[in-house]
Structure formats: C-alpha cells, structure tokens
Amino acid sequence: MKAVWATAERRLTLSIGFLVGAASILVSAISSPDAFSSTGGSVAEFVGAPLLVLMFGLQAVEAIGDLRRRRDASGSSTGSDGGSTGAGFLVGLYFVVMVVLLVVLID
C-alpha cells in the first residue's frame, strides 16, 4: 500500500478510479432505482458511494496540490490533531439523510 501512496501521480490515479466507480453507482441508483436494485445494487453501495466520492475527492485535491508543489507524500503531514469534535454527529446525520433518500427512491 505504501507504493500506491508513494507519489502524488499514483494517488491521483487511484482517486480518479474510485471517483469514477462511485459516481457510476450514484448515477445508476438515482437515474433508475428499480434497475439498480434488480441488477444487484445494494444499500451498502448506495450509502457508501457518497463517502467514497468525499474521501477520494479530497485525496485527489491533495494530490493535485502536491503535484503543483512537486512534493511527495512522504514529506507531507496529514495535519490531523486527532480531535474530531462533532464527527459522530456528522456521521449520524449522513446516515439519516442516506436512509431517507433510500426510502424516497424505493417508494
């Protein structure tokens, strides 16, 4: 896994791949919910796809910034202080919104 994150180019490529996959799940689920569920689309895919877009979208932005600064991932710090006040609330809110969306799309 370290080899994948070793350069900004590799992180950007991986991020773009995940973004395309997650976006296709979302488009498929929203454009035709019946076809999505009949082709094997699951609730986990529908709920997880926006999270993948967020996570890998942010990673892509960071990789682009690293490319612009010509910097490797080994020299950058994550900037995380370990404290996440309100993160539990945001995750709970996310799941409530996704369940409501799922119920609306199924009906």
PDB file of N, CA and C in Angstrom:
ATOM      1  N   MET A   1       0.818  -1.188   0.000  1.00  0.00           N
ATOM      2  CA  MET A   1       0.000   0.000   0.000  1.00  0.00           C
ATOM      3  C   MET A   1       0.865   1.257   0.000  1.00  0.00           C
ATOM      4  N   LYS A   2       2.026   1.170   0.634  1.00  0.00           N
ATOM      5  CA  LYS A   2       2.911   2.338   0.639  1.00  0.00           C
ATOM      6  C   LYS A   2       3.330   2.726  -0.769  1.00  0.00           C
ATOM      7  N   ALA A   3       3.481   1.741  -1.630  1.00  0.00           N
ATOM      8  CA  ALA A   3       3.886   2.032  -3.007  1.00  0.00           C
ATOM      9  C   ALA A   3       2.806   2.826  -3.746  1.00  0.00           C
ATOM     10  N   VAL A   4       1.530   2.551  -3.434  1.00  0.00           N
ATOM     11  CA  VAL A   4       0.440   3.272  -4.090  1.00  0.00           C
ATOM     12  C   VAL A   4       0.449   4.735  -3.676  1.00  0.00           C
ATOM     13  N   TRP A   5       0.719   4.998  -2.398  1.00  0.00           N
ATOM     14  CA  TRP A   5       0.701   6.371  -1.893  1.00  0.00           C
ATOM     15  C   TRP A   5       2.045   7.069  -2.018  1.00  0.00           C
ATOM     16  N   ALA A   6       3.027   6.426  -2.626  1.00  0.00           N
ATOM     17  CA  ALA A   6       4.382   6.977  -2.670  1.00  0.00           C
ATOM     18  C   ALA A   6       4.480   8.269  -3.472  1.00  0.00           C
ATOM     19  N   THR A   7       3.707   8.393  -4.516  1.00  0.00           N
ATOM     20  CA  THR A   7       3.790   9.601  -5.337  1.00  0.00           C
ATOM     21  C   THR A   7       2.404  10.209  -5.518  1.00  0.00           C
ATOM     22  N   ALA A   8       2.399  11.481  -5.779  1.00  0.00           N
ATOM     23  CA  ALA A   8       1.133  12.188  -5.997  1.00  0.00           C
ATOM     24  C   ALA A   8       0.435  11.676  -7.256  1.00  0.00           C
ATOM     25  N   GLU A   9       1.188  11.295  -8.266  1.00  0.00           N
ATOM     26  CA  GLU A   9       0.594  10.793  -9.507  1.00  0.00           C
ATOM     27  C   GLU A   9      -0.198   9.514  -9.246  1.00  0.00           C
ATOM     28  N   ARG A  10       0.365   8.612  -8.452  1.00  0.00           N
ATOM     29  CA  ARG A  10      -0.321   7.356  -8.145  1.00  0.00           C
ATOM     30  C   ARG A  10      -1.565   7.596  -7.297  1.00  0.00           C
ATOM     31  N   ARG A  11      -1.473   8.499  -6.329  1.00  0.00           N
ATOM     32  CA  ARG A  11      -2.646   8.813  -5.505  1.00  0.00           C
ATOM     33  C   ARG A  11      -3.750   9.427  -6.351  1.00  0.00           C
ATOM     34  N   LEU A  12      -3.381  10.297  -7.278  1.00  0.00           N
ATOM     35  CA  LEU A  12      -4.371  10.925  -8.145  1.00  0.00           C
ATOM     36  C   LEU A  12      -5.035   9.895  -9.052  1.00  0.00           C
ATOM     37  N   THR A  13      -4.257   8.988  -9.605  1.00  0.00           N
ATOM     38  CA  THR A  13      -4.806   7.939 -10.471  1.00  0.00           C
ATOM     39  C   THR A  13      -5.773   7.052  -9.702  1.00  0.00           C
ATOM     40  N   LEU A  14      -5.383   6.624  -8.512  1.00  0.00           N
ATOM     41  CA  LEU A  14      -6.251   5.786  -7.687  1.00  0.00           C
ATOM     42  C   LEU A  14      -7.526   6.544  -7.313  1.00  0.00           C
ATOM     43  N   SER A  15      -7.381   7.805  -6.950  1.00  0.00           N
ATOM     44  CA  SER A  15      -8.537   8.615  -6.571  1.00  0.00           C
ATOM     45  C   SER A  15      -9.510   8.770  -7.728  1.00  0.00           C
ATOM     46  N   ILE A  16      -9.000   9.018  -8.906  1.00  0.00           N
ATOM     47  CA  ILE A  16      -9.867   9.174 -10.085  1.00  0.00           C
ATOM     48  C   ILE A  16     -10.614   7.872 -10.363  1.00  0.00           C
ATOM     49  N   GLY A  17      -9.938   6.751 -10.218  1.00  0.00           N
ATOM     50  CA  GLY A  17     -10.600   5.459 -10.420  1.00  0.00           C
ATOM     51  C   GLY A  17     -11.752   5.246  -9.449  1.00  0.00           C
ATOM     52  N   PHE A  18     -11.520   5.535  -8.175  1.00  0.00           N
ATOM     53  CA  PHE A  18     -12.587   5.389  -7.191  1.00  0.00           C
ATOM     54  C   PHE A  18     -13.705   6.402  -7.422  1.00  0.00           C
ATOM     55  N   LEU A  19     -13.355   7.618  -7.823  1.00  0.00           N
ATOM     56  CA  LEU A  19     -14.377   8.626  -8.097  1.00  0.00           C
ATOM     57  C   LEU A  19     -15.283   8.204  -9.251  1.00  0.00           C
ATOM     58  N   VAL A  20     -14.703   7.656 -10.290  1.00  0.00           N
ATOM     59  CA  VAL A  20     -15.497   7.204 -11.440  1.00  0.00           C
ATOM     60  C   VAL A  20     -16.424   6.061 -11.031  1.00  0.00           C
ATOM     61  N   GLY A  21     -15.888   5.106 -10.267  1.00  0.00           N
ATOM     62  CA  GLY A  21     -16.715   3.984  -9.817  1.00  0.00           C
ATOM     63  C   GLY A  21     -17.858   4.428  -8.919  1.00  0.00           C
ATOM     64  N   ALA A  22     -17.572   5.283  -7.955  1.00  0.00           N
ATOM     65  CA  ALA A  22     -18.607   5.753  -7.036  1.00  0.00           C
ATOM     66  C   ALA A  22     -19.640   6.610  -7.762  1.00  0.00           C
ATOM     67  N   ALA A  23     -19.182   7.438  -8.686  1.00  0.00           N
ATOM     68  CA  ALA A  23     -20.113   8.276  -9.444  1.00  0.00           C
ATOM     69  C   ALA A  23     -21.041   7.419 -10.306  1.00  0.00           C
ATOM     70  N   SER A  24     -20.520   6.346 -10.869  1.00  0.00           N
ATOM     71  CA  SER A  24     -21.374   5.481 -11.687  1.00  0.00           C
ATOM     72  C   SER A  24     -22.429   4.781 -10.827  1.00  0.00           C
ATOM     73  N   ILE A  25     -22.081   4.415  -9.591  1.00  0.00           N
ATOM     74  CA  ILE A  25     -23.060   3.814  -8.685  1.00  0.00           C
ATOM     75  C   ILE A  25     -24.160   4.817  -8.371  1.00  0.00           C
ATOM     76  N   LEU A  26     -23.761   6.057  -8.059  1.00  0.00           N
ATOM     77  CA  LEU A  26     -24.747   7.080  -7.727  1.00  0.00           C
ATOM     78  C   LEU A  26     -25.658   7.396  -8.900  1.00  0.00           C
ATOM     79  N   VAL A  27     -25.089   7.550 -10.082  1.00  0.00           N
ATOM     80  CA  VAL A  27     -25.896   7.864 -11.271  1.00  0.00           C
ATOM     81  C   VAL A  27     -26.859   6.720 -11.559  1.00  0.00           C
ATOM     82  N   SER A  28     -26.384   5.500 -11.445  1.00  0.00           N
ATOM     83  CA  SER A  28     -27.231   4.341 -11.689  1.00  0.00           C
ATOM     84  C   SER A  28     -28.372   4.261 -10.680  1.00  0.00           C
ATOM     85  N   ALA A  29     -28.064   4.505  -9.410  1.00  0.00           N
ATOM     86  CA  ALA A  29     -29.089   4.409  -8.363  1.00  0.00           C
ATOM     87  C   ALA A  29     -30.115   5.517  -8.459  1.00  0.00           C
ATOM     88  N   ILE A  30     -29.685   6.709  -8.818  1.00  0.00           N
ATOM     89  CA  ILE A  30     -30.612   7.842  -8.849  1.00  0.00           C
ATOM     90  C   ILE A  30     -31.413   7.883 -10.146  1.00  0.00           C
ATOM     91  N   SER A  31     -30.777   7.534 -11.266  1.00  0.00           N
ATOM     92  CA  SER A  31     -31.482   7.622 -12.544  1.00  0.00           C
ATOM     93  C   SER A  31     -32.554   6.553 -12.699  1.00  0.00           C
ATOM     94  N   SER A  32     -32.266   5.344 -12.239  1.00  0.00           N
ATOM     95  CA  SER A  32     -33.277   4.279 -12.321  1.00  0.00           C
ATOM     96  C   SER A  32     -33.128   3.352 -11.123  1.00  0.00           C
ATOM     97  N   PRO A  33     -33.780   3.682 -10.018  1.00  0.00           N
ATOM     98  CA  PRO A  33     -33.645   2.891  -8.797  1.00  0.00           C
ATOM     99  C   PRO A  33     -34.087   1.439  -8.958  1.00  0.00           C
ATOM    100  N   ASP A  34     -35.129   1.198  -9.751  1.00  0.00           N
ATOM    101  CA  ASP A  34     -35.601  -0.176  -9.938  1.00  0.00           C
ATOM    102  C   ASP A  34     -34.564  -1.023 -10.659  1.00  0.00           C
ATOM    103  N   ALA A  35     -33.970  -0.459 -11.706  1.00  0.00           N
ATOM    104  CA  ALA A  35     -32.937  -1.184 -12.450  1.00  0.00           C
ATOM    105  C   ALA A  35     -31.698  -1.396 -11.580  1.00  0.00           C
ATOM    106  N   PHE A  36     -31.372  -0.416 -10.752  1.00  0.00           N
ATOM    107  CA  PHE A  36     -30.214  -0.529  -9.866  1.00  0.00           C
ATOM    108  C   PHE A  36     -30.386  -1.692  -8.900  1.00  0.00           C
ATOM    109  N   SER A  37     -31.562  -1.790  -8.271  1.00  0.00           N
ATOM    110  CA  SER A  37     -31.774  -2.865  -7.306  1.00  0.00           C
ATOM    111  C   SER A  37     -31.922  -4.219  -7.990  1.00  0.00           C
ATOM    112  N   SER A  38     -32.445  -4.247  -9.209  1.00  0.00           N
ATOM    113  CA  SER A  38     -32.615  -5.524  -9.905  1.00  0.00           C
ATOM    114  C   SER A  38     -31.301  -6.066 -10.458  1.00  0.00           C
ATOM    115  N   THR A  39     -30.316  -5.188 -10.681  1.00  0.00           N
ATOM    116  CA  THR A  39     -29.025  -5.655 -11.197  1.00  0.00           C
ATOM    117  C   THR A  39     -28.041  -5.980 -10.084  1.00  0.00           C
ATOM    118  N   GLY A  40     -28.510  -5.991  -8.864  1.00  0.00           N
ATOM    119  CA  GLY A  40     -27.643  -6.379  -7.757  1.00  0.00           C
ATOM    120  C   GLY A  40     -27.095  -5.218  -6.957  1.00  0.00           C
ATOM    121  N   GLY A  41     -27.562  -4.017  -7.222  1.00  0.00           N
ATOM    122  CA  GLY A  41     -27.127  -2.867  -6.438  1.00  0.00           C
ATOM    123  C   GLY A  41     -27.648  -2.987  -5.020  1.00  0.00           C
ATOM    124  N   SER A  42     -26.796  -2.721  -4.060  1.00  0.00           N
ATOM    125  CA  SER A  42     -27.204  -2.912  -2.679  1.00  0.00           C
ATOM    126  C   SER A  42     -27.268  -1.593  -1.932  1.00  0.00           C
ATOM    127  N   VAL A  43     -27.859  -1.664  -0.758  1.00  0.00           N
ATOM    128  CA  VAL A  43     -27.949  -0.494   0.110  1.00  0.00           C
ATOM    129  C   VAL A  43     -26.548  -0.033   0.503  1.00  0.00           C
ATOM    130  N   ALA A  44     -25.655  -0.970   0.752  1.00  0.00           N
ATOM    131  CA  ALA A  44     -24.284  -0.618   1.145  1.00  0.00           C
ATOM    132  C   ALA A  44     -23.583   0.177   0.048  1.00  0.00           C
ATOM    133  N   GLU A  45     -23.802  -0.197  -1.200  1.00  0.00           N
ATOM    134  CA  GLU A  45     -23.209   0.555  -2.312  1.00  0.00           C
ATOM    135  C   GLU A  45     -23.768   1.961  -2.369  1.00  0.00           C
ATOM    136  N   PHE A  46     -25.082   2.081  -2.209  1.00  0.00           N
ATOM    137  CA  PHE A  46     -25.728   3.384  -2.285  1.00  0.00           C
ATOM    138  C   PHE A  46     -25.286   4.298  -1.155  1.00  0.00           C
ATOM    139  N   VAL A  47     -25.159   3.744   0.038  1.00  0.00           N
ATOM    140  CA  VAL A  47     -24.745   4.538   1.198  1.00  0.00           C
ATOM    141  C   VAL A  47     -23.247   4.835   1.147  1.00  0.00           C
ATOM    142  N   GLY A  48     -22.458   3.893   0.683  1.00  0.00           N
ATOM    143  CA  GLY A  48     -21.007   4.062   0.667  1.00  0.00           C
ATOM    144  C   GLY A  48     -20.467   4.919  -0.462  1.00  0.00           C
ATOM    145  N   ALA A  49     -21.176   4.990  -1.569  1.00  0.00           N
ATOM    146  CA  ALA A  49     -20.676   5.729  -2.734  1.00  0.00           C
ATOM    147  C   ALA A  49     -20.422   7.210  -2.444  1.00  0.00           C
ATOM    148  N   PRO A  50     -21.329   7.925  -1.785  1.00  0.00           N
ATOM    149  CA  PRO A  50     -21.021   9.329  -1.487  1.00  0.00           C
ATOM    150  C   PRO A  50     -19.818   9.496  -0.563  1.00  0.00           C
ATOM    151  N   LEU A  51     -19.646   8.563   0.357  1.00  0.00           N
ATOM    152  CA  LEU A  51     -18.461   8.622   1.223  1.00  0.00           C
ATOM    153  C   LEU A  51     -17.183   8.444   0.416  1.00  0.00           C
ATOM    154  N   LEU A  52     -17.222   7.526  -0.550  1.00  0.00           N
ATOM    155  CA  LEU A  52     -16.050   7.341  -1.417  1.00  0.00           C
ATOM    156  C   LEU A  52     -15.772   8.589  -2.236  1.00  0.00           C
ATOM    157  N   VAL A  53     -16.828   9.225  -2.732  1.00  0.00           N
ATOM    158  CA  VAL A  53     -16.648  10.459  -3.501  1.00  0.00           C
ATOM    159  C   VAL A  53     -15.990  11.522  -2.629  1.00  0.00           C
ATOM    160  N   LEU A  54     -16.465  11.650  -1.403  1.00  0.00           N
ATOM    161  CA  LEU A  54     -15.899  12.650  -0.499  1.00  0.00           C
ATOM    162  C   LEU A  54     -14.441  12.335  -0.168  1.00  0.00           C
ATOM    163  N   MET A  55     -14.176  11.117   0.257  1.00  0.00           N
ATOM    164  CA  MET A  55     -12.813  10.760   0.671  1.00  0.00           C
ATOM    165  C   MET A  55     -11.810  10.852  -0.478  1.00  0.00           C
ATOM    166  N   PHE A  56     -12.146  10.233  -1.600  1.00  0.00           N
ATOM    167  CA  PHE A  56     -11.197  10.227  -2.705  1.00  0.00           C
ATOM    168  C   PHE A  56     -11.195  11.548  -3.459  1.00  0.00           C
ATOM    169  N   GLY A  57     -12.278  12.297  -3.380  1.00  0.00           N
ATOM    170  CA  GLY A  57     -12.273  13.642  -3.950  1.00  0.00           C
ATOM    171  C   GLY A  57     -11.297  14.538  -3.205  1.00  0.00           C
ATOM    172  N   LEU A  58     -11.333  14.462  -1.873  1.00  0.00           N
ATOM    173  CA  LEU A  58     -10.382  15.234  -1.074  1.00  0.00           C
ATOM    174  C   LEU A  58      -8.951  14.767  -1.322  1.00  0.00           C
ATOM    175  N   GLN A  59      -8.769  13.455  -1.463  1.00  0.00           N
ATOM    176  CA  GLN A  59      -7.431  12.925  -1.737  1.00  0.00           C
ATOM    177  C   GLN A  59      -6.929  13.392  -3.104  1.00  0.00           C
ATOM    178  N   ALA A  60      -7.835  13.470  -4.079  1.00  0.00           N
ATOM    179  CA  ALA A  60      -7.447  13.951  -5.408  1.00  0.00           C
ATOM    180  C   ALA A  60      -7.026  15.413  -5.351  1.00  0.00           C
ATOM    181  N   VAL A  61      -7.754  16.215  -4.596  1.00  0.00           N
ATOM    182  CA  VAL A  61      -7.399  17.631  -4.450  1.00  0.00           C
ATOM    183  C   VAL A  61      -6.028  17.765  -3.798  1.00  0.00           C
ATOM    184  N   GLU A  62      -5.788  16.955  -2.767  1.00  0.00           N
ATOM    185  CA  GLU A  62      -4.475  16.994  -2.107  1.00  0.00           C
ATOM    186  C   GLU A  62      -3.360  16.544  -3.058  1.00  0.00           C
ATOM    187  N   ALA A  63      -3.627  15.504  -3.850  1.00  0.00           N
ATOM    188  CA  ALA A  63      -2.626  15.020  -4.803  1.00  0.00           C
ATOM    189  C   ALA A  63      -2.328  16.072  -5.866  1.00  0.00           C
ATOM    190  N   ILE A  64      -3.359  16.765  -6.318  1.00  0.00           N
ATOM    191  CA  ILE A  64      -3.140  17.832  -7.297  1.00  0.00           C
ATOM    192  C   ILE A  64      -2.291  18.939  -6.680  1.00  0.00           C
ATOM    193  N   GLY A  65      -2.586  19.278  -5.429  1.00  0.00           N
ATOM    194  CA  GLY A  65      -1.772  20.280  -4.736  1.00  0.00           C
ATOM    195  C   GLY A  65      -0.330  19.843  -4.604  1.00  0.00           C
ATOM    196  N   ASP A  66      -0.123  18.550  -4.290  1.00  0.00           N
ATOM    197  CA  ASP A  66       1.240  18.027  -4.194  1.00  0.00           C
ATOM    198  C   ASP A  66       1.938  18.072  -5.545  1.00  0.00           C
ATOM    199  N   LEU A  67       1.198  17.770  -6.606  1.00  0.00           N
ATOM    200  CA  LEU A  67       1.794  17.834  -7.945  1.00  0.00           C
ATOM    201  C   LEU A  67       2.204  19.263  -8.294  1.00  0.00           C
ATOM    202  N   ARG A  68       1.378  20.192  -7.900  1.00  0.00           N
ATOM    203  CA  ARG A  68       1.705  21.601  -8.182  1.00  0.00           C
ATOM    204  C   ARG A  68       2.919  22.055  -7.389  1.00  0.00           C
ATOM    205  N   ARG A  69       3.090  21.497  -6.209  1.00  0.00           N
ATOM    206  CA  ARG A  69       4.250  21.859  -5.382  1.00  0.00           C
ATOM    207  C   ARG A  69       5.426  20.911  -5.594  1.00  0.00           C
ATOM    208  N   ARG A  70       5.226  19.882  -6.432  1.00  0.00           N
ATOM    209  CA  ARG A  70       6.270  18.883  -6.704  1.00  0.00           C
ATOM    210  C   ARG A  70       6.786  18.253  -5.417  1.00  0.00           C
ATOM    211  N   ARG A  71       5.841  17.729  -4.646  1.00  0.00           N
ATOM    212  CA  ARG A  71       6.167  17.195  -3.337  1.00  0.00           C
ATOM    213  C   ARG A  71       5.661  15.768  -3.240  1.00  0.00           C
ATOM    214  N   ASP A  72       6.414  14.896  -2.598  1.00  0.00           N
ATOM    215  CA  ASP A  72       5.990  13.521  -2.365  1.00  0.00           C
ATOM    216  C   ASP A  72       5.172  13.438  -1.089  1.00  0.00           C
ATOM    217  N   ALA A  73       4.400  12.370  -0.967  1.00  0.00           N
ATOM    218  CA  ALA A  73       3.564  12.172   0.220  1.00  0.00           C
ATOM    219  C   ALA A  73       4.408  11.959   1.469  1.00  0.00           C
ATOM    220  N   SER A  74       5.608  11.425   1.321  1.00  0.00           N
ATOM    221  CA  SER A  74       6.443  11.150   2.491  1.00  0.00           C
ATOM    222  C   SER A  74       6.866  12.426   3.192  1.00  0.00           C
ATOM    223  N   GLY A  75       6.902  13.537   2.512  1.00  0.00           N
ATOM    224  CA  GLY A  75       7.315  14.787   3.120  1.00  0.00           C
ATOM    225  C   GLY A  75       6.177  15.629   3.642  1.00  0.00           C
ATOM    226  N   SER A  76       4.940  15.186   3.423  1.00  0.00           N
ATOM    227  CA  SER A  76       3.812  15.987   3.877  1.00  0.00           C
ATOM    228  C   SER A  76       3.230  15.415   5.151  1.00  0.00           C
ATOM    229  N   SER A  77       2.648  16.276   5.953  1.00  0.00           N
ATOM    230  CA  SER A  77       1.972  15.801   7.146  1.00  0.00           C
ATOM    231  C   SER A  77       0.479  15.849   6.909  1.00  0.00           C
ATOM    232  N   THR A  78      -0.239  15.032   7.642  1.00  0.00           N
ATOM    233  CA  THR A  78      -1.676  14.951   7.430  1.00  0.00           C
ATOM    234  C   THR A  78      -2.397  16.125   8.046  1.00  0.00           C
ATOM    235  N   GLY A  79      -1.816  16.746   9.043  1.00  0.00           N
ATOM    236  CA  GLY A  79      -2.439  17.893   9.671  1.00  0.00           C
ATOM    237  C   GLY A  79      -3.544  17.524  10.635  1.00  0.00           C
ATOM    238  N   SER A  80      -3.693  16.257  10.934  1.00  0.00           N
ATOM    239  CA  SER A  80      -4.740  15.818  11.838  1.00  0.00           C
ATOM    240  C   SER A  80      -4.262  15.910  13.275  1.00  0.00           C
ATOM    241  N   ASP A  81      -5.061  16.550  14.102  1.00  0.00           N
ATOM    242  CA  ASP A  81      -4.687  16.672  15.503  1.00  0.00           C
ATOM    243  C   ASP A  81      -5.323  15.601  16.361  1.00  0.00           C
ATOM    244  N   GLY A  82      -6.081  14.710  15.753  1.00  0.00           N
ATOM    245  CA  GLY A  82      -6.691  13.615  16.486  1.00  0.00           C
ATOM    246  C   GLY A  82      -8.027  13.974  17.111  1.00  0.00           C
ATOM    247  N   GLY A  83      -8.343  15.234  17.261  1.00  0.00           N
ATOM    248  CA  GLY A  83      -9.610  15.641  17.855  1.00  0.00           C
ATOM    249  C   GLY A  83     -10.651  15.865  16.786  1.00  0.00           C
ATOM    250  N   SER A  84     -11.783  15.204  16.927  1.00  0.00           N
ATOM    251  CA  SER A  84     -12.833  15.365  15.919  1.00  0.00           C
ATOM    252  C   SER A  84     -14.145  15.671  16.623  1.00  0.00           C
ATOM    253  N   THR A  85     -14.265  16.865  17.108  1.00  0.00           N
ATOM    254  CA  THR A  85     -15.484  17.283  17.775  1.00  0.00           C
ATOM    255  C   THR A  85     -16.609  17.348  16.757  1.00  0.00           C
ATOM    256  N   GLY A  86     -17.678  16.653  17.041  1.00  0.00           N
ATOM    257  CA  GLY A  86     -18.834  16.666  16.157  1.00  0.00           C
ATOM    258  C   GLY A  86     -18.782  15.656  15.030  1.00  0.00           C
ATOM    259  N   ALA A  87     -17.710  14.872  14.926  1.00  0.00           N
ATOM    260  CA  ALA A  87     -17.618  13.904  13.833  1.00  0.00           C
ATOM    261  C   ALA A  87     -18.694  12.837  13.959  1.00  0.00           C
ATOM    262  N   GLY A  88     -18.969  12.398  15.167  1.00  0.00           N
ATOM    263  CA  GLY A  88     -20.018  11.398  15.378  1.00  0.00           C
ATOM    264  C   GLY A  88     -21.376  11.921  14.949  1.00  0.00           C
ATOM    265  N   PHE A  89     -21.645  13.180  15.258  1.00  0.00           N
ATOM    266  CA  PHE A  89     -22.902  13.802  14.847  1.00  0.00           C
ATOM    267  C   PHE A  89     -23.005  13.856  13.335  1.00  0.00           C
ATOM    268  N   LEU A  90     -21.913  14.233  12.661  1.00  0.00           N
ATOM    269  CA  LEU A  90     -21.931  14.328  11.200  1.00  0.00           C
ATOM    270  C   LEU A  90     -22.134  12.967  10.551  1.00  0.00           C
ATOM    271  N   VAL A  91     -21.504  11.940  11.099  1.00  0.00           N
ATOM    272  CA  VAL A  91     -21.683  10.590  10.555  1.00  0.00           C
ATOM    273  C   VAL A  91     -23.124  10.137  10.756  1.00  0.00           C
ATOM    274  N   GLY A  92     -23.680  10.390  11.933  1.00  0.00           N
ATOM    275  CA  GLY A  92     -25.078  10.042  12.192  1.00  0.00           C
ATOM    276  C   GLY A  92     -26.023  10.776  11.274  1.00  0.00           C
ATOM    277  N   LEU A  93     -25.782  12.067  11.080  1.00  0.00           N
ATOM    278  CA  LEU A  93     -26.607  12.866  10.178  1.00  0.00           C
ATOM    279  C   LEU A  93     -26.508  12.336   8.746  1.00  0.00           C
ATOM    280  N   TYR A  94     -25.312  11.968   8.330  1.00  0.00           N
ATOM    281  CA  TYR A  94     -25.113  11.410   6.987  1.00  0.00           C
ATOM    282  C   TYR A  94     -25.966  10.157   6.794  1.00  0.00           C
ATOM    283  N   PHE A  95     -25.919   9.247   7.770  1.00  0.00           N
ATOM    284  CA  PHE A  95     -26.676   8.005   7.625  1.00  0.00           C
ATOM    285  C   PHE A  95     -28.186   8.255   7.650  1.00  0.00           C
ATOM    286  N   VAL A  96     -28.654   9.212   8.435  1.00  0.00           N
ATOM    287  CA  VAL A  96     -30.081   9.546   8.438  1.00  0.00           C
ATOM    288  C   VAL A  96     -30.490  10.068   7.061  1.00  0.00           C
ATOM    289  N   VAL A  97     -29.708  10.978   6.508  1.00  0.00           N
ATOM    290  CA  VAL A  97     -30.019  11.531   5.186  1.00  0.00           C
ATOM    291  C   VAL A  97     -30.010  10.430   4.127  1.00  0.00           C
ATOM    292  N   MET A  98     -29.045   9.542   4.174  1.00  0.00           N
ATOM    293  CA  MET A  98     -28.963   8.477   3.173  1.00  0.00           C
ATOM    294  C   MET A  98     -30.121   7.496   3.296  1.00  0.00           C
ATOM    295  N   VAL A  99     -30.548   7.177   4.508  1.00  0.00           N
ATOM    296  CA  VAL A  99     -31.687   6.270   4.683  1.00  0.00           C
ATOM    297  C   VAL A  99     -32.960   6.924   4.170  1.00  0.00           C
ATOM    298  N   VAL A 100     -33.135   8.220   4.449  1.00  0.00           N
ATOM    299  CA  VAL A 100     -34.308   8.931   3.926  1.00  0.00           C
ATOM    300  C   VAL A 100     -34.285   8.939   2.404  1.00  0.00           C
ATOM    301  N   LEU A 101     -33.130   9.213   1.813  1.00  0.00           N
ATOM    302  CA  LEU A 101     -33.004   9.183   0.357  1.00  0.00           C
ATOM    303  C   LEU A 101     -33.345   7.806  -0.199  1.00  0.00           C
ATOM    304  N   LEU A 102     -32.869   6.776   0.472  1.00  0.00           N
ATOM    305  CA  LEU A 102     -33.122   5.408   0.031  1.00  0.00           C
ATOM    306  C   LEU A 102     -34.608   5.096   0.087  1.00  0.00           C
ATOM    307  N   VAL A 103     -35.289   5.494   1.159  1.00  0.00           N
ATOM    308  CA  VAL A 103     -36.728   5.251   1.287  1.00  0.00           C
ATOM    309  C   VAL A 103     -37.496   6.006   0.212  1.00  0.00           C
ATOM    310  N   VAL A 104     -37.089   7.234  -0.058  1.00  0.00           N
ATOM    311  CA  VAL A 104     -37.772   8.033  -1.090  1.00  0.00           C
ATOM    312  C   VAL A 104     -37.564   7.417  -2.465  1.00  0.00           C
ATOM    313  N   LEU A 105     -36.368   6.951  -2.756  1.00  0.00           N
ATOM    314  CA  LEU A 105     -36.101   6.373  -4.067  1.00  0.00           C
ATOM    315  C   LEU A 105     -36.790   5.024  -4.255  1.00  0.00           C
ATOM    316  N   ILE A 106     -36.942   4.260  -3.189  1.00  0.00           N
ATOM    317  CA  ILE A 106     -37.569   2.945  -3.320  1.00  0.00           C
ATOM    318  C   ILE A 106     -39.071   3.077  -3.531  1.00  0.00           C
ATOM    319  N   ASP A 107     -39.700   4.041  -2.852  1.00  0.00           N
ATOM    320  CA  ASP A 107     -41.156   4.221  -2.995  1.00  0.00           C
ATOM    321  C   ASP A 107     -41.481   4.886  -4.258  1.00  0.00           C
TER     322      ASP A 107
END
